[in-house]
Amino acid sequence: MPTQKQNVVVVDDDMSMNQAIKRLLLAGGFTVETFPSAEALLESDAAESAGCLVLDMRLPGISGLELQERLKQKGADRPVIFITAHDLPSSQEQARKAQAVAYLPKPFPGLNLMAAVTDALACPHKRPATSHSTKSTKSPA
């Protein structure tokens, strides 16, 4: 049975992105649960068993940032990796303030996500992000 630290929950309204992330993380040996919306995750108990969360910042309805806050209020404060197709300085700042382990603008290299998940799962408990961990990790074109 997978331990809490191995389970990764992914929330993205882009189903192809959900599937790509799931395949990548499964290949890396993680257990992965995907959700198409924040509301779908909140209706489940998956966050309680998650070792970390990969959240799209812009979701229809409840945003990734708001989802993180709601989960904190429910006692499911987990390390978070924010992903976004809208790489703006304000988004980077919001991720930093939310103490994200990483901020990854789409498209991102799979190795960057794997490294971020590994870092997040190494956290004994949610910890504040260092200044370099929430920098954009966009690969050069």
C-alpha atoms as a PDB file:
ATOM      1  CA  MET A   1       0.000   0.000   0.000  1.00  0.00           C
ATOM      2  CA  PRO A   2       1.425   3.406  -0.938  1.00  0.00           C
ATOM      3  CA  THR A   3       2.477   5.687   1.848  1.00  0.00           C
ATOM      4  CA  GLN A   4       1.243   9.240   2.161  1.00  0.00           C
ATOM      5  CA  LYS A   5       4.562  10.523   0.867  1.00  0.00           C
ATOM      6  CA  GLN A   6       4.207   8.614  -2.421  1.00  0.00           C
ATOM      7  CA  ASN A   7       0.720   9.850  -3.306  1.00  0.00           C
ATOM      8  CA  VAL A   8       0.507  12.885  -5.599  1.00  0.00           C
ATOM      9  CA  VAL A   9      -2.781  14.662  -6.309  1.00  0.00           C
ATOM     10  CA  VAL A  10      -3.023  16.637  -9.547  1.00  0.00           C
ATOM     11  CA  VAL A  11      -5.765  19.188 -10.278  1.00  0.00           C
ATOM     12  CA  ASP A  12      -5.934  20.635 -13.805  1.00  0.00           C
ATOM     13  CA  ASP A  13      -8.955  21.320 -15.989  1.00  0.00           C
ATOM     14  CA  ASP A  14      -6.936  20.342 -19.090  1.00  0.00           C
ATOM     15  CA  MET A  15      -7.498  16.592 -19.253  1.00  0.00           C
ATOM     16  CA  SER A  16      -4.558  16.030 -21.604  1.00  0.00           C
ATOM     17  CA  MET A  17      -2.273  17.780 -19.092  1.00  0.00           C
ATOM     18  CA  ASN A  18      -3.724  15.654 -16.267  1.00  0.00           C
ATOM     19  CA  GLN A  19      -3.033  12.490 -18.236  1.00  0.00           C
ATOM     20  CA  ALA A  20       0.491  13.555 -19.234  1.00  0.00           C
ATOM     21  CA  ILE A  21       1.410  14.399 -15.642  1.00  0.00           C
ATOM     22  CA  LYS A  22      -0.142  11.169 -14.407  1.00  0.00           C
ATOM     23  CA  ARG A  23       1.841   9.053 -16.908  1.00  0.00           C
ATOM     24  CA  LEU A  24       5.072  10.855 -16.017  1.00  0.00           C
ATOM     25  CA  LEU A  25       4.637  10.467 -12.271  1.00  0.00           C
ATOM     26  CA  LEU A  26       3.470   6.852 -12.514  1.00  0.00           C
ATOM     27  CA  ALA A  27       6.631   6.104 -14.505  1.00  0.00           C
ATOM     28  CA  GLY A  28       8.561   7.715 -11.636  1.00  0.00           C
ATOM     29  CA  GLY A  29       7.020   5.296  -9.153  1.00  0.00           C
ATOM     30  CA  PHE A  30       4.433   7.594  -7.572  1.00  0.00           C
ATOM     31  CA  THR A  31       0.764   6.940  -6.934  1.00  0.00           C
ATOM     32  CA  VAL A  32      -1.273   9.605  -8.721  1.00  0.00           C
ATOM     33  CA  GLU A  33      -4.855  10.795  -8.500  1.00  0.00           C
ATOM     34  CA  THR A  34      -6.094  13.410 -10.963  1.00  0.00           C
ATOM     35  CA  PHE A  35      -9.063  15.757 -10.739  1.00  0.00           C
ATOM     36  CA  PRO A  36     -10.551  18.078 -13.379  1.00  0.00           C
ATOM     37  CA  SER A  37     -11.510  20.778 -10.859  1.00  0.00           C
ATOM     38  CA  ALA A  38     -10.966  22.033  -7.356  1.00  0.00           C
ATOM     39  CA  GLU A  39     -14.571  21.192  -6.567  1.00  0.00           C
ATOM     40  CA  ALA A  40     -14.035  17.559  -7.579  1.00  0.00           C
ATOM     41  CA  LEU A  41     -11.058  17.278  -5.235  1.00  0.00           C
ATOM     42  CA  LEU A  42     -12.970  18.913  -2.373  1.00  0.00           C
ATOM     43  CA  GLU A  43     -15.773  16.363  -2.802  1.00  0.00           C
ATOM     44  CA  SER A  44     -13.277  13.537  -2.276  1.00  0.00           C
ATOM     45  CA  ASP A  45     -10.949  12.687   0.580  1.00  0.00           C
ATOM     46  CA  ALA A  46      -7.894  12.405  -1.690  1.00  0.00           C
ATOM     47  CA  ALA A  47      -6.145  15.491  -0.288  1.00  0.00           C
ATOM     48  CA  GLU A  48      -6.009  13.870   3.132  1.00  0.00           C
ATOM     49  CA  SER A  49      -3.810  11.037   1.856  1.00  0.00           C
ATOM     50  CA  ALA A  50      -1.728  13.178  -0.497  1.00  0.00           C
ATOM     51  CA  GLY A  51       1.971  13.649   0.046  1.00  0.00           C
ATOM     52  CA  CYS A  52       1.839  16.705  -2.207  1.00  0.00           C
ATOM     53  CA  LEU A  53      -0.460  18.565  -4.568  1.00  0.00           C
ATOM     54  CA  VAL A  54       0.139  19.728  -8.142  1.00  0.00           C
ATOM     55  CA  LEU A  55      -2.383  22.512  -8.737  1.00  0.00           C
ATOM     56  CA  ASP A  56      -3.147  24.559 -11.804  1.00  0.00           C
ATOM     57  CA  MET A  57      -3.347  28.154 -10.640  1.00  0.00           C
ATOM     58  CA  ARG A  58      -6.207  29.076 -12.978  1.00  0.00           C
ATOM     59  CA  LEU A  59      -9.120  26.707 -12.788  1.00  0.00           C
ATOM     60  CA  PRO A  60     -12.745  27.418 -13.621  1.00  0.00           C
ATOM     61  CA  GLY A  61     -14.628  28.031 -10.398  1.00  0.00           C
ATOM     62  CA  ILE A  62     -12.270  27.691  -7.450  1.00  0.00           C
ATOM     63  CA  SER A  63      -8.683  28.634  -8.370  1.00  0.00           C
ATOM     64  CA  GLY A  64      -5.650  26.603  -7.367  1.00  0.00           C
ATOM     65  CA  LEU A  65      -4.685  29.276  -4.840  1.00  0.00           C
ATOM     66  CA  GLU A  66      -8.149  29.277  -3.285  1.00  0.00           C
ATOM     67  CA  LEU A  67      -8.140  25.470  -3.252  1.00  0.00           C
ATOM     68  CA  GLN A  68      -4.878  25.464  -1.322  1.00  0.00           C
ATOM     69  CA  GLU A  69      -6.385  27.860   1.237  1.00  0.00           C
ATOM     70  CA  ARG A  70      -9.545  25.766   1.629  1.00  0.00           C
ATOM     71  CA  LEU A  71      -7.497  22.619   2.135  1.00  0.00           C
ATOM     72  CA  LYS A  72      -5.446  24.380   4.820  1.00  0.00           C
ATOM     73  CA  GLN A  73      -8.664  25.308   6.596  1.00  0.00           C
ATOM     74  CA  LYS A  74      -9.756  21.644   6.466  1.00  0.00           C
ATOM     75  CA  GLY A  75      -6.427  20.557   7.990  1.00  0.00           C
ATOM     76  CA  ALA A  76      -5.020  19.146   4.746  1.00  0.00           C
ATOM     77  CA  ASP A  77      -2.050  21.512   4.464  1.00  0.00           C
ATOM     78  CA  ARG A  78       0.222  19.750   1.980  1.00  0.00           C
ATOM     79  CA  PRO A  79       3.258  20.872  -0.024  1.00  0.00           C
ATOM     80  CA  VAL A  80       2.043  22.449  -3.273  1.00  0.00           C
ATOM     81  CA  ILE A  81       3.509  22.767  -6.738  1.00  0.00           C
ATOM     82  CA  PHE A  82       1.704  25.374  -8.807  1.00  0.00           C
ATOM     83  CA  ILE A  83       1.541  25.006 -12.579  1.00  0.00           C
ATOM     84  CA  THR A  84       0.180  27.615 -14.949  1.00  0.00           C
ATOM     85  CA  ALA A  85      -0.195  28.494 -18.615  1.00  0.00           C
ATOM     86  CA  HIS A  86      -0.252  32.167 -17.582  1.00  0.00           C
ATOM     87  CA  ASP A  87       3.307  32.922 -16.471  1.00  0.00           C
ATOM     88  CA  LEU A  88       3.012  36.395 -15.005  1.00  0.00           C
ATOM     89  CA  PRO A  89       5.117  38.095 -12.330  1.00  0.00           C
ATOM     90  CA  SER A  90       1.945  38.400 -10.235  1.00  0.00           C
ATOM     91  CA  SER A  91       1.391  34.626 -10.473  1.00  0.00           C
ATOM     92  CA  GLN A  92       4.968  33.970  -9.399  1.00  0.00           C
ATOM     93  CA  GLU A  93       4.507  36.312  -6.435  1.00  0.00           C
ATOM     94  CA  GLN A  94       1.224  34.633  -5.450  1.00  0.00           C
ATOM     95  CA  ALA A  95       2.927  31.220  -5.538  1.00  0.00           C
ATOM     96  CA  ARG A  96       5.783  32.532  -3.406  1.00  0.00           C
ATOM     97  CA  LYS A  97       3.387  34.035  -0.857  1.00  0.00           C
ATOM     98  CA  ALA A  98       1.456  30.747  -0.762  1.00  0.00           C
ATOM     99  CA  GLN A  99       4.746  29.013   0.138  1.00  0.00           C
ATOM    100  CA  ALA A 100       4.699  26.786  -2.932  1.00  0.00           C
ATOM    101  CA  VAL A 101       7.502  24.272  -3.237  1.00  0.00           C
ATOM    102  CA  ALA A 102       7.713  25.135  -6.939  1.00  0.00           C
ATOM    103  CA  TYR A 103       6.108  27.235  -9.649  1.00  0.00           C
ATOM    104  CA  LEU A 104       6.197  25.716 -13.137  1.00  0.00           C
ATOM    105  CA  PRO A 105       4.983  27.633 -16.189  1.00  0.00           C
ATOM    106  CA  LYS A 106       3.497  25.433 -18.927  1.00  0.00           C
ATOM    107  CA  PRO A 107       4.938  23.850 -20.918  1.00  0.00           C
ATOM    108  CA  PHE A 108       7.560  22.596 -18.476  1.00  0.00           C
ATOM    109  CA  PRO A 109      10.129  19.827 -18.830  1.00  0.00           C
ATOM    110  CA  GLY A 110       9.061  16.599 -17.183  1.00  0.00           C
ATOM    111  CA  LEU A 111      12.331  16.473 -15.263  1.00  0.00           C
ATOM    112  CA  ASN A 112      11.482  19.793 -13.603  1.00  0.00           C
ATOM    113  CA  LEU A 113       8.162  18.417 -12.389  1.00  0.00           C
ATOM    114  CA  MET A 114       9.772  15.201 -11.159  1.00  0.00           C
ATOM    115  CA  ALA A 115      12.384  17.216  -9.239  1.00  0.00           C
ATOM    116  CA  ALA A 116       9.690  19.459  -7.721  1.00  0.00           C
ATOM    117  CA  VAL A 117       7.578  16.464  -6.653  1.00  0.00           C
ATOM    118  CA  THR A 118      10.619  14.755  -5.154  1.00  0.00           C
ATOM    119  CA  ASP A 119      11.425  17.949  -3.201  1.00  0.00           C
ATOM    120  CA  ALA A 120       7.812  18.295  -2.061  1.00  0.00           C
ATOM    121  CA  LEU A 121       7.619  14.703  -0.878  1.00  0.00           C
ATOM    122  CA  ALA A 122      10.878  15.106   1.034  1.00  0.00           C
ATOM    123  CA  CYS A 123       9.207  17.753   3.215  1.00  0.00           C
ATOM    124  CA  PRO A 124       8.426  16.253   6.615  1.00  0.00           C
ATOM    125  CA  HIS A 125       5.698  18.888   6.802  1.00  0.00           C
ATOM    126  CA  LYS A 126       4.799  21.831   4.620  1.00  0.00           C
ATOM    127  CA  ARG A 127       7.647  24.277   4.764  1.00  0.00           C
ATOM    128  CA  PRO A 128       8.122  27.803   3.451  1.00  0.00           C
ATOM    129  CA  ALA A 129       9.576  27.895  -0.040  1.00  0.00           C
ATOM    130  CA  THR A 130      13.038  29.320  -0.507  1.00  0.00           C
ATOM    131  CA  SER A 131      13.381  32.182  -2.916  1.00  0.00           C
ATOM    132  CA  HIS A 132      14.809  29.981  -5.660  1.00  0.00           C
ATOM    133  CA  SER A 133      12.178  27.237  -5.450  1.00  0.00           C
ATOM    134  CA  THR A 134       9.367  29.414  -6.759  1.00  0.00           C
ATOM    135  CA  LYS A 135      11.305  30.902  -9.628  1.00  0.00           C
ATOM    136  CA  SER A 136      10.027  30.222 -13.059  1.00  0.00           C
ATOM    137  CA  THR A 137      11.703  27.111 -14.433  1.00  0.00           C
ATOM    138  CA  LYS A 138      10.780  27.724 -18.046  1.00  0.00           C
ATOM    139  CA  SER A 139      13.239  25.977 -20.317  1.00  0.00           C
ATOM    140  CA  PRO A 140      15.082  28.047 -22.906  1.00  0.00           C
ATOM    141  CA  ALA A 141      13.419  28.022 -26.318  1.00  0.00           C
END
